[in-house]
Structures are given as C-alpha cells and as structure tokens.
Amino acid sequence: MKKVLILNTSHNDLRLILALKEMGFYVVSIGNRPGLVGEKYVNQYIQMDYSCKEEVLALSRKLNIDAICACCNDIGVITAAYVAEEMGLPGHDSYENTLIMHHKDRFKKFAREYGITTPQSEYFFEEEDAVKWLDKAEYPIIVKPTDLSAGRGVAKADCYEEAKSAIKNAFEHSRIKHIVIEPYIDGSQHACCTFILNKKVVAYCTNNEYSFVNPYRVEIDTYPADNFDCVRDHLINEAEKMVNILGLKDGILSMQYRIKDGKPYIIEAMRRILGNLYMIPAEKLTGINWDYWEARTHCGLDCSHFPVDIQQHGFWAYRTIMGTQNGVVKSLVVPDDLRKYIFDECILWRSGDYIKDYMSEPLAFLFFKFDSKEEMNYVMLDQYNRFYAEY
C-alpha cells in the first residue's frame, strides 16, 4: 500500500484525509495539536510541527513516503513543496514558486513585474524602514504580515499613528519578519477558486465574502459571487497568466479580490483548499468534490477524467459562528425558524470551552441552501444577529 503524508488533521483537512483514504493510501498525518477531528481517520499520527520543514523532510525520508499532501494552511503548502522538491515527489509547485504564491511580498513583486491587477504594494523587512516610508503614504492603507493567513496581524490605518501601530503589530505576527503595505481598496470583497489542468482553468467556484466580528477574517461566504460575469474573463486570464509564467502544476489556484468602480483587484492568491470548510458549499454549487481532485493532484495521480463543462448552480452559503468576547461560552443559538435552510454543520465548540481569542477562534460552521439570492441575503445578512454565542 502506498504511503502519503498529510500535514495536519484539522476540520479543514478532514475532507482531504477522507479522499486520500478513498484512493487507497496508507495515511500518515502530523501536527502539533493532538486530538483534532481528522486524527481518528488516519492510519498513523505523529506529533510534529509542520512548519519545521527540515524535520518534516527527515520524517518523510524515514517513512519512505510516496506522496505528500499539503493542508489548509499556507505554511503547510510551503513545507509540502519543500519536501516534494527535495525527495522528487510529484504534485507540487517548485519551492521557489510556492514562496512567490504564498508570501505576500514575493507575490506583490511578481504581480507588479508581470502586470497582474493587484494593489501596488510596498514591502519591508525592518520596522524602522516601514515607519520612515509612512511620510509618503496616502491613506487609507492596509498593513499585513507577508506569511500568515486568516487575517492574523492585518490592520487598516487611516492616519500616521494608526499606521505606526499596525506596522508594529504586523512585524510581531510575522514569523519571517516581513510585511507589506498597500492601498486599501474600498469595495466589495469576493473570491474565485479555480481548478487548473494543463495550464488552463477547467472549473471555478465564486462567492461573496463578509466579515463582522473580525474585519480581516472571513465569516460568511455566499455563493455564487455577485456580478461575476462582468469580471470572469479578466480573472480567468489573470489566473492562467500566473500559471503559465511560473509553470504551476495542476490543482487549485484561488484568488481573493475586491471590486472598485467595476474593476477587480486581486488581493491574495493561494494554491490550496480554502478554510472555513469552504469546499462543502463549493461542491454543492459546482457538483465536484474539490478536495478529492486536489488530493489527486498532490499525489501526482491522473486527472484526465476530471468532469467537463462545470457550471455554478443554485444559492449556497456558510456561516461561521464566532464569539463576541473572551470567556466561557454556554451555548450556541440558532433560530428555529431558520434551521430549515441548514443542510450541514460542523460544531467545534464544546460545553464549557473557554474562548481565549474570540476574534480568531471559530465555534461552529453552518451550511445553507436557498431557493433565491434574495432569500440567501435575508437569512445570511439581515438575520445575522440571530445566530450567536451565549455566554
């Protein structure tokens, strides 16, 4: 039996694990948080920090793995690419190209060089240099660590003092102590998750993004994206441009974008499945199991039978239930009259759990099906405050 190593066992990685099992692999997982939901589905679990790429490489050689599967985390994607390159394993971009796609400073430099539509960023390796640059800044700006996801360390600034504080915060969060500063695009926010085969986009899934508790962590996605037909050709062309310039491998390429005055600006790009169990509604919208096909590409398996003529159908959504303060959560409140729209759920909260960082810790994910866009917006946005954590 062939052996695959997957780099985490969180709720976001569970569907990848199940896909690998379905394909007949002996699945070994690592992670530094034992007891996560995916652990009980793997053949072997080893406690290890997947950000330590040299240790993961040594383990991979010891296990004599046949493939490595990245997890739902940018750091895991980078480690997987490094191990794959060192061991000659299939299914991953080169280590250098992975850094370009997953480190914001490298991606912004690449985008500027090749004319990809993205806010023009400045990147800094020293806090002092970033603060000096503020003398020429035009506000508002947004400051980000270059190497993190899920909004960690990100802050908008409307003036010098706010920007100085945001720079300090971003450097404190960044593992590699690199940050980017870019103009804040004041527009609607969306995502387009594409699947690449032979350098072409063969499927896409789109959505609108909403954030309420934490403005830099997506809390609600509604599918499909509004007015996607107006930006479709541009975004598909940009995705294929990236793929062809860098020679990227088959698999997911996702773009987060903002629309201002009808023009889409690519804010982030990534080569992995998305968090918040994004792929559950994505499968309903498109009819394909994105995790299964992504797992196949990571393992270097044939994807010539990928479904053709993929379209977006229906109205789907997910809702993250977040806390509103730190403390012990007593219960999660879901309105009885709105439960009829829910087709699935993932509850992470357990009775008596103490929330240490309510801005970042999801308590549950609810998944919805609707008959119309109006119905979807009513439940997800107008009725937002009726779903909550009770303290």
Protein backbone atom coordinates (compact mmCIF):
# COMPACT_ATOMS: atom_id res chain seq x y z
CA MET A 1 0.00 0.00 0.00
CA LYS A 2 1.37 3.41 -0.96
CA LYS A 3 2.01 5.86 1.84
CA VAL A 4 1.06 9.56 1.90
CA LEU A 5 1.91 12.18 4.50
CA ILE A 6 -0.65 14.94 5.17
CA LEU A 7 0.45 17.91 7.24
CA ASN A 8 -2.48 18.49 9.58
CA THR A 9 -5.70 16.93 10.93
CA SER A 10 -7.97 19.94 11.49
CA HIS A 11 -11.62 20.14 10.44
CA ASN A 12 -10.44 21.91 7.29
CA ASP A 13 -8.22 18.95 6.36
CA LEU A 14 -10.73 16.18 7.09
CA ARG A 15 -12.14 16.00 3.55
CA LEU A 16 -8.62 15.70 2.14
CA ILE A 17 -7.90 12.86 4.57
CA LEU A 18 -11.09 11.05 3.56
CA ALA A 19 -10.22 11.49 -0.12
CA LEU A 20 -6.76 10.00 0.43
CA LYS A 21 -8.31 7.05 2.24
CA GLU A 22 -10.79 6.60 -0.59
CA MET A 23 -7.88 6.42 -3.04
CA GLY A 24 -6.36 3.57 -1.05
CA PHE A 25 -3.40 5.31 0.60
CA TYR A 26 -1.92 4.49 3.97
CA VAL A 27 -2.33 7.96 5.51
CA VAL A 28 0.17 9.37 7.98
CA SER A 29 -0.53 12.77 9.49
CA ILE A 30 1.46 15.19 11.60
CA GLY A 31 0.57 18.28 13.61
CA ASN A 32 1.37 19.97 16.89
CA ARG A 33 -2.20 19.80 18.24
CA PRO A 34 -3.18 16.20 19.00
CA GLY A 35 -6.86 15.36 19.27
CA LEU A 36 -8.12 17.26 16.23
CA VAL A 37 -11.04 15.74 14.37
CA GLY A 38 -9.08 14.27 11.46
CA GLU A 39 -6.71 12.29 13.67
CA LYS A 40 -9.13 9.40 14.18
CA TYR A 41 -9.42 8.85 10.42
CA VAL A 42 -5.71 8.44 9.60
CA ASN A 43 -3.64 5.27 9.85
CA GLN A 44 -0.86 6.89 11.87
CA TYR A 45 -0.48 10.21 13.70
CA ILE A 46 2.85 11.74 14.71
CA GLN A 47 3.03 14.90 16.81
CA MET A 48 5.29 17.33 14.97
CA ASP A 49 5.24 20.99 13.94
CA TYR A 50 4.68 21.03 10.18
CA SER A 51 6.29 24.47 9.91
CA CYS A 52 9.69 22.86 10.62
CA LYS A 53 10.38 21.82 7.05
CA GLU A 54 13.73 20.11 7.72
CA GLU A 55 12.18 17.93 10.43
CA VAL A 56 9.29 17.06 8.13
CA LEU A 57 11.75 16.19 5.37
CA ALA A 58 13.71 13.90 7.72
CA LEU A 59 10.50 12.18 8.81
CA SER A 60 9.33 11.79 5.21
CA ARG A 61 12.59 10.09 4.28
CA LYS A 62 12.39 7.83 7.32
CA LEU A 63 8.81 6.85 6.43
CA ASN A 64 9.74 6.47 2.77
CA ILE A 65 6.54 8.21 1.69
CA ASP A 66 5.22 8.01 -1.88
CA ALA A 67 3.44 11.37 -1.78
CA ILE A 68 2.87 14.40 0.40
CA CYS A 69 -0.40 16.32 0.69
CA ALA A 70 -0.49 19.95 1.78
CA CYS A 71 -3.04 21.02 4.37
CA CYS A 72 -5.37 24.03 4.54
CA ASN A 73 -2.62 26.38 5.63
CA ASP A 74 -0.07 28.46 3.73
CA ILE A 75 2.81 27.27 5.91
CA GLY A 76 1.83 23.66 5.24
CA VAL A 77 1.79 24.29 1.49
CA ILE A 78 5.32 25.69 1.68
CA THR A 79 6.61 22.74 3.72
CA ALA A 80 4.96 20.23 1.37
CA ALA A 81 6.55 21.90 -1.67
CA TYR A 82 9.97 21.83 0.00
CA VAL A 83 9.73 18.15 0.91
CA ALA A 84 8.39 17.23 -2.54
CA GLU A 85 11.24 19.06 -4.27
CA GLU A 86 13.92 17.52 -2.04
CA MET A 87 12.52 13.99 -2.46
CA GLY A 88 11.48 14.23 -6.10
CA LEU A 89 7.81 13.67 -5.28
CA PRO A 90 5.10 14.69 -7.76
CA GLY A 91 2.17 17.06 -7.50
CA HIS A 92 3.64 20.30 -6.15
CA ASP A 93 4.97 23.57 -7.49
CA SER A 94 8.67 24.26 -7.05
CA TYR A 95 9.66 25.56 -3.63
CA GLU A 96 10.57 28.94 -5.09
CA ASN A 97 7.24 29.32 -6.91
CA THR A 98 5.37 28.27 -3.78
CA LEU A 99 7.06 31.08 -1.87
CA ILE A 100 6.04 33.50 -4.62
CA MET A 101 2.41 32.43 -4.39
CA HIS A 102 2.22 32.28 -0.58
CA HIS A 103 4.44 35.08 0.69
CA LYS A 104 2.67 38.37 0.11
CA ASP A 105 5.81 40.41 -0.53
CA ARG A 106 7.03 37.99 -3.21
CA PHE A 107 3.60 37.73 -4.79
CA LYS A 108 3.19 41.51 -4.96
CA LYS A 109 6.64 41.89 -6.53
CA PHE A 110 5.79 39.19 -9.08
CA ALA A 111 2.39 40.79 -9.81
CA ARG A 112 3.96 44.21 -10.34
CA GLU A 113 6.58 42.78 -12.72
CA TYR A 114 4.04 40.99 -14.90
CA GLY A 115 1.17 43.47 -14.78
CA ILE A 116 -1.26 41.39 -12.74
CA THR A 117 -4.11 43.55 -11.42
CA THR A 118 -3.40 43.97 -7.73
CA PRO A 119 -2.91 46.93 -5.37
CA GLN A 120 0.63 48.28 -5.71
CA SER A 121 2.36 47.23 -2.51
CA GLU A 122 5.47 48.21 -0.65
CA TYR A 123 7.29 45.52 1.30
CA PHE A 124 9.61 45.87 4.25
CA PHE A 125 12.00 43.70 6.26
CA GLU A 126 12.70 46.26 9.01
CA GLU A 127 10.17 48.09 11.16
CA GLU A 128 12.19 51.31 11.03
CA ASP A 129 12.16 51.38 7.22
CA ALA A 130 8.39 50.83 7.14
CA VAL A 131 7.78 53.70 9.57
CA LYS A 132 10.03 56.03 7.51
CA TRP A 133 8.04 55.19 4.39
CA LEU A 134 4.86 56.49 6.06
CA ASP A 135 5.97 60.04 5.28
CA LYS A 136 4.88 59.42 1.68
CA ALA A 137 1.84 57.23 2.39
CA GLU A 138 -1.62 58.10 1.06
CA TYR A 139 -4.34 56.89 3.42
CA PRO A 140 -6.17 54.64 3.97
CA ILE A 141 -3.63 51.82 3.81
CA ILE A 142 -3.65 48.20 4.94
CA VAL A 143 -0.69 46.51 6.65
CA LYS A 144 -0.15 42.74 6.58
CA PRO A 145 2.41 40.15 7.67
CA THR A 146 3.68 38.57 4.48
CA ASP A 147 3.48 34.96 5.67
CA LEU A 148 0.16 34.48 7.51
CA SER A 149 -3.48 33.85 6.60
CA ALA A 150 -6.95 34.18 8.19
CA GLY A 151 -6.39 37.88 8.85
CA ARG A 152 -3.79 37.40 11.59
CA GLY A 153 -1.75 40.55 12.13
CA VAL A 154 -3.66 42.57 9.49
CA ALA A 155 -4.85 46.12 10.17
CA LYS A 156 -6.22 49.09 8.23
CA ALA A 157 -4.81 52.53 9.01
CA ASP A 158 -6.38 55.92 8.31
CA CYS A 159 -3.57 58.07 9.73
CA TYR A 160 0.11 58.03 10.71
CA GLU A 161 -0.38 56.90 14.32
CA GLU A 162 -2.68 54.05 13.29
CA ALA A 163 -0.20 53.01 10.60
CA LYS A 164 2.73 53.02 13.01
CA SER A 165 0.79 50.77 15.39
CA ALA A 166 -0.28 48.50 12.51
CA ILE A 167 3.34 48.11 11.37
CA LYS A 168 4.44 47.07 14.85
CA ASN A 169 1.56 44.57 15.06
CA ALA A 170 2.31 43.06 11.64
CA PHE A 171 6.01 42.58 12.44
CA GLU A 172 5.13 40.94 15.77
CA HIS A 173 2.88 38.43 13.99
CA SER A 174 5.16 37.63 11.04
CA ARG A 175 7.31 34.55 11.52
CA ILE A 176 9.88 35.73 8.98
CA LYS A 177 9.57 39.43 9.95
CA HIS A 178 8.45 40.65 6.53
CA ILE A 179 5.40 42.85 5.96
CA VAL A 180 3.57 44.50 3.08
CA ILE A 181 1.76 47.83 2.98
CA GLU A 182 -0.71 48.62 0.22
CA PRO A 183 -3.59 50.97 -0.60
CA TYR A 184 -6.85 49.92 1.00
CA ILE A 185 -9.34 49.08 -1.76
CA ASP A 186 -12.74 50.23 -0.52
CA GLY A 187 -15.05 47.88 -2.39
CA SER A 188 -16.98 44.62 -2.21
CA GLN A 189 -14.93 41.51 -1.45
CA HIS A 190 -15.15 38.17 -3.27
CA ALA A 191 -13.23 35.01 -4.10
CA CYS A 192 -12.77 32.91 -7.22
CA CYS A 193 -11.46 29.40 -6.62
CA THR A 194 -10.24 27.83 -9.86
CA PHE A 195 -9.03 24.37 -10.77
CA ILE A 196 -6.06 24.18 -13.14
CA LEU A 197 -5.39 21.31 -15.56
CA ASN A 198 -2.70 21.52 -18.24
CA LYS A 199 -2.24 25.26 -17.61
CA LYS A 200 -5.95 26.01 -18.18
CA VAL A 201 -8.82 26.87 -15.82
CA VAL A 202 -11.28 23.99 -16.17
CA ALA A 203 -13.61 24.86 -13.28
CA TYR A 204 -14.32 27.72 -10.94
CA CYS A 205 -16.35 28.45 -7.83
CA THR A 206 -17.16 32.03 -6.80
CA ASN A 207 -18.52 33.72 -3.70
CA ASN A 208 -19.09 36.96 -1.83
CA GLU A 209 -17.17 37.45 1.43
CA TYR A 210 -18.43 39.14 4.59
CA SER A 211 -16.69 39.90 7.88
CA PHE A 212 -18.35 41.24 11.01
CA VAL A 213 -16.58 40.20 14.22
CA ASN A 214 -13.08 40.45 12.74
CA PRO A 215 -12.87 42.62 9.59
CA TYR A 216 -9.88 40.64 8.31
CA ARG A 217 -11.21 37.13 8.87
CA VAL A 218 -13.94 35.94 6.50
CA GLU A 219 -17.02 34.92 8.46
CA ILE A 220 -19.72 34.39 5.82
CA ASP A 221 -19.49 33.31 2.19
CA THR A 222 -22.49 33.39 -0.14
CA TYR A 223 -22.28 31.53 -3.45
CA PRO A 224 -22.06 32.45 -6.33
CA ALA A 225 -20.34 35.85 -6.41
CA ASP A 226 -22.39 38.87 -7.43
CA ASN A 227 -21.73 40.16 -10.96
CA PHE A 228 -19.07 37.53 -11.65
CA ASP A 229 -19.90 37.54 -15.36
CA CYS A 230 -18.54 41.11 -15.51
CA VAL A 231 -15.09 40.10 -14.19
CA ARG A 232 -14.94 36.43 -15.19
CA ASP A 233 -12.78 36.76 -18.30
CA HIS A 234 -10.32 39.09 -16.61
CA LEU A 235 -9.84 36.86 -13.56
CA ILE A 236 -9.54 33.66 -15.60
CA ASN A 237 -6.94 35.33 -17.81
CA GLU A 238 -5.01 36.51 -14.74
CA ALA A 239 -5.06 33.01 -13.24
CA GLU A 240 -3.81 31.43 -16.46
CA LYS A 241 -1.16 34.15 -16.80
CA MET A 242 0.23 33.24 -13.36
CA VAL A 243 0.12 29.54 -14.18
CA ASN A 244 1.96 29.92 -17.47
CA ILE A 245 4.61 32.39 -16.30
CA LEU A 246 5.52 30.27 -13.27
CA GLY A 247 4.77 26.87 -14.81
CA LEU A 248 2.42 26.00 -11.96
CA LYS A 249 1.21 22.43 -11.54
CA ASP A 250 -2.36 21.14 -11.73
CA GLY A 251 -4.69 21.86 -8.82
CA ILE A 252 -6.45 24.69 -7.04
CA LEU A 253 -5.49 28.31 -7.60
CA SER A 254 -7.72 30.62 -5.60
CA MET A 255 -7.90 34.41 -5.81
CA GLN A 256 -9.42 36.79 -3.29
CA TYR A 257 -10.42 40.02 -4.99
CA ARG A 258 -12.12 43.34 -4.38
CA ILE A 259 -14.18 45.26 -6.91
CA LYS A 260 -13.96 49.05 -7.01
CA ASP A 261 -15.62 51.08 -9.76
CA GLY A 262 -16.25 47.86 -11.67
CA LYS A 263 -12.57 46.81 -11.68
CA PRO A 264 -11.36 43.67 -9.87
CA TYR A 265 -8.15 43.89 -7.81
CA ILE A 266 -6.56 40.60 -6.76
CA ILE A 267 -5.77 40.90 -3.05
CA GLU A 268 -4.40 37.41 -2.38
CA ALA A 269 -3.67 34.25 -4.35
CA MET A 270 -3.07 30.77 -2.96
CA ARG A 271 -2.57 27.19 -4.06
CA ARG A 272 -4.59 25.23 -1.53
CA ILE A 273 -8.07 24.39 -0.38
CA LEU A 274 -9.72 27.24 1.48
CA GLY A 275 -10.56 27.44 5.16
CA ASN A 276 -13.92 27.57 6.93
CA LEU A 277 -14.84 24.29 5.17
CA TYR A 278 -15.33 26.40 2.05
CA MET A 279 -15.39 23.33 -0.19
CA ILE A 280 -18.66 21.96 1.24
CA PRO A 281 -20.83 24.66 -0.41
CA ALA A 282 -18.38 24.73 -3.35
CA GLU A 283 -19.20 21.08 -4.06
CA LYS A 284 -22.94 21.83 -3.95
CA LEU A 285 -22.51 24.83 -6.27
CA THR A 286 -20.42 23.04 -8.91
CA GLY A 287 -21.16 19.35 -8.40
CA ILE A 288 -17.50 18.37 -7.99
CA ASN A 289 -15.57 17.25 -4.91
CA TRP A 290 -12.75 19.80 -4.88
CA ASP A 291 -10.88 18.10 -2.03
CA TYR A 292 -10.80 14.78 -3.90
CA TRP A 293 -9.32 16.31 -7.04
CA GLU A 294 -6.87 18.45 -5.09
CA ALA A 295 -5.67 15.34 -3.24
CA ARG A 296 -5.17 13.55 -6.56
CA THR A 297 -3.01 16.37 -7.91
CA HIS A 298 -0.88 16.43 -4.73
CA CYS A 299 -0.26 12.72 -5.13
CA GLY A 300 0.63 13.04 -8.82
CA LEU A 301 -2.33 10.93 -9.91
CA ASP A 302 -4.09 11.08 -13.27
CA CYS A 303 -6.82 13.73 -13.52
CA SER A 304 -7.76 13.20 -17.17
CA HIS A 305 -11.26 12.12 -16.10
CA PHE A 306 -11.95 15.45 -14.36
CA PRO A 307 -15.59 16.43 -15.06
CA VAL A 308 -16.19 18.74 -18.02
CA ASP A 309 -18.49 21.72 -18.54
CA ILE A 310 -18.68 22.65 -14.84
CA GLN A 311 -21.31 25.30 -14.11
CA GLN A 312 -22.46 27.12 -10.97
CA HIS A 313 -25.98 26.19 -9.90
CA GLY A 314 -28.16 27.34 -7.01
CA PHE A 315 -27.57 29.52 -3.96
CA TRP A 316 -25.45 28.26 -1.11
CA ALA A 317 -23.68 29.74 1.90
CA TYR A 318 -21.81 29.04 5.08
CA ARG A 319 -21.86 30.96 8.33
CA THR A 320 -19.11 30.94 10.94
CA ILE A 321 -20.40 31.40 14.46
CA MET A 322 -17.86 33.49 16.38
CA GLY A 323 -17.84 34.72 19.94
CA THR A 324 -18.20 38.39 20.80
CA GLN A 325 -15.80 38.37 23.76
CA ASN A 326 -13.38 36.07 25.54
CA GLY A 327 -14.81 33.81 28.21
CA VAL A 328 -16.82 30.61 28.72
CA VAL A 329 -19.47 30.00 26.06
CA LYS A 330 -22.63 28.40 27.45
CA SER A 331 -24.44 27.64 24.20
CA LEU A 332 -24.78 28.42 20.50
CA VAL A 333 -28.09 29.97 19.46
CA VAL A 334 -29.58 29.10 16.07
CA PRO A 335 -33.14 30.38 15.34
CA ASP A 336 -35.64 27.56 14.95
CA ASP A 337 -37.40 29.23 12.02
CA LEU A 338 -34.14 29.41 10.04
CA ARG A 339 -32.96 25.85 10.65
CA LYS A 340 -34.85 24.67 7.55
CA TYR A 341 -32.18 26.29 5.39
CA ILE A 342 -29.30 24.38 7.04
CA PHE A 343 -28.16 21.21 5.26
CA ASP A 344 -24.97 20.51 7.26
CA GLU A 345 -23.00 21.73 10.25
CA CYS A 346 -19.63 21.39 11.95
CA ILE A 347 -19.63 22.20 15.67
CA LEU A 348 -16.18 22.84 17.13
CA TRP A 349 -17.39 24.30 20.43
CA ARG A 350 -17.87 22.02 23.41
CA SER A 351 -19.83 22.88 26.55
CA GLY A 352 -17.65 24.80 28.96
CA ASP A 353 -15.00 25.79 26.40
CA TYR A 354 -13.13 28.95 27.30
CA ILE A 355 -12.57 31.27 24.36
CA LYS A 356 -9.14 32.91 24.55
CA ASP A 357 -9.18 34.80 21.25
CA TYR A 358 -12.74 35.36 20.07
CA MET A 359 -11.55 37.33 17.01
CA SER A 360 -9.86 34.23 15.58
CA GLU A 361 -11.49 31.13 17.13
CA PRO A 362 -14.49 29.77 15.19
CA LEU A 363 -17.08 27.96 17.31
CA ALA A 364 -19.13 26.36 14.53
CA PHE A 365 -19.83 26.35 10.81
CA LEU A 366 -23.35 26.14 9.41
CA PHE A 367 -24.08 25.36 5.75
CA PHE A 368 -27.14 26.65 3.94
CA LYS A 369 -29.17 26.03 0.79
CA PHE A 370 -31.55 28.67 -0.64
CA ASP A 371 -34.02 28.98 -3.47
CA SER A 372 -33.06 32.54 -4.39
CA LYS A 373 -30.42 35.21 -3.91
CA GLU A 374 -32.94 37.35 -2.03
CA GLU A 375 -33.71 34.54 0.40
CA MET A 376 -29.99 33.94 0.90
CA ASN A 377 -29.21 37.58 1.65
CA TYR A 378 -32.16 37.81 4.03
CA VAL A 379 -31.03 34.85 6.16
CA MET A 380 -27.28 35.42 5.99
CA LEU A 381 -27.17 39.21 6.30
CA ASP A 382 -30.47 40.64 7.51
CA GLN A 383 -30.84 37.92 10.18
CA TYR A 384 -27.15 37.90 11.10
CA ASN A 385 -27.62 38.87 14.76
CA ARG A 386 -30.00 36.00 15.44
CA PHE A 387 -27.14 33.48 15.28
CA TYR A 388 -24.79 33.95 18.23
CA ALA A 389 -22.76 32.51 21.09
CA GLU A 390 -24.37 32.82 24.51
CA TYR A 391 -22.08 33.49 27.48
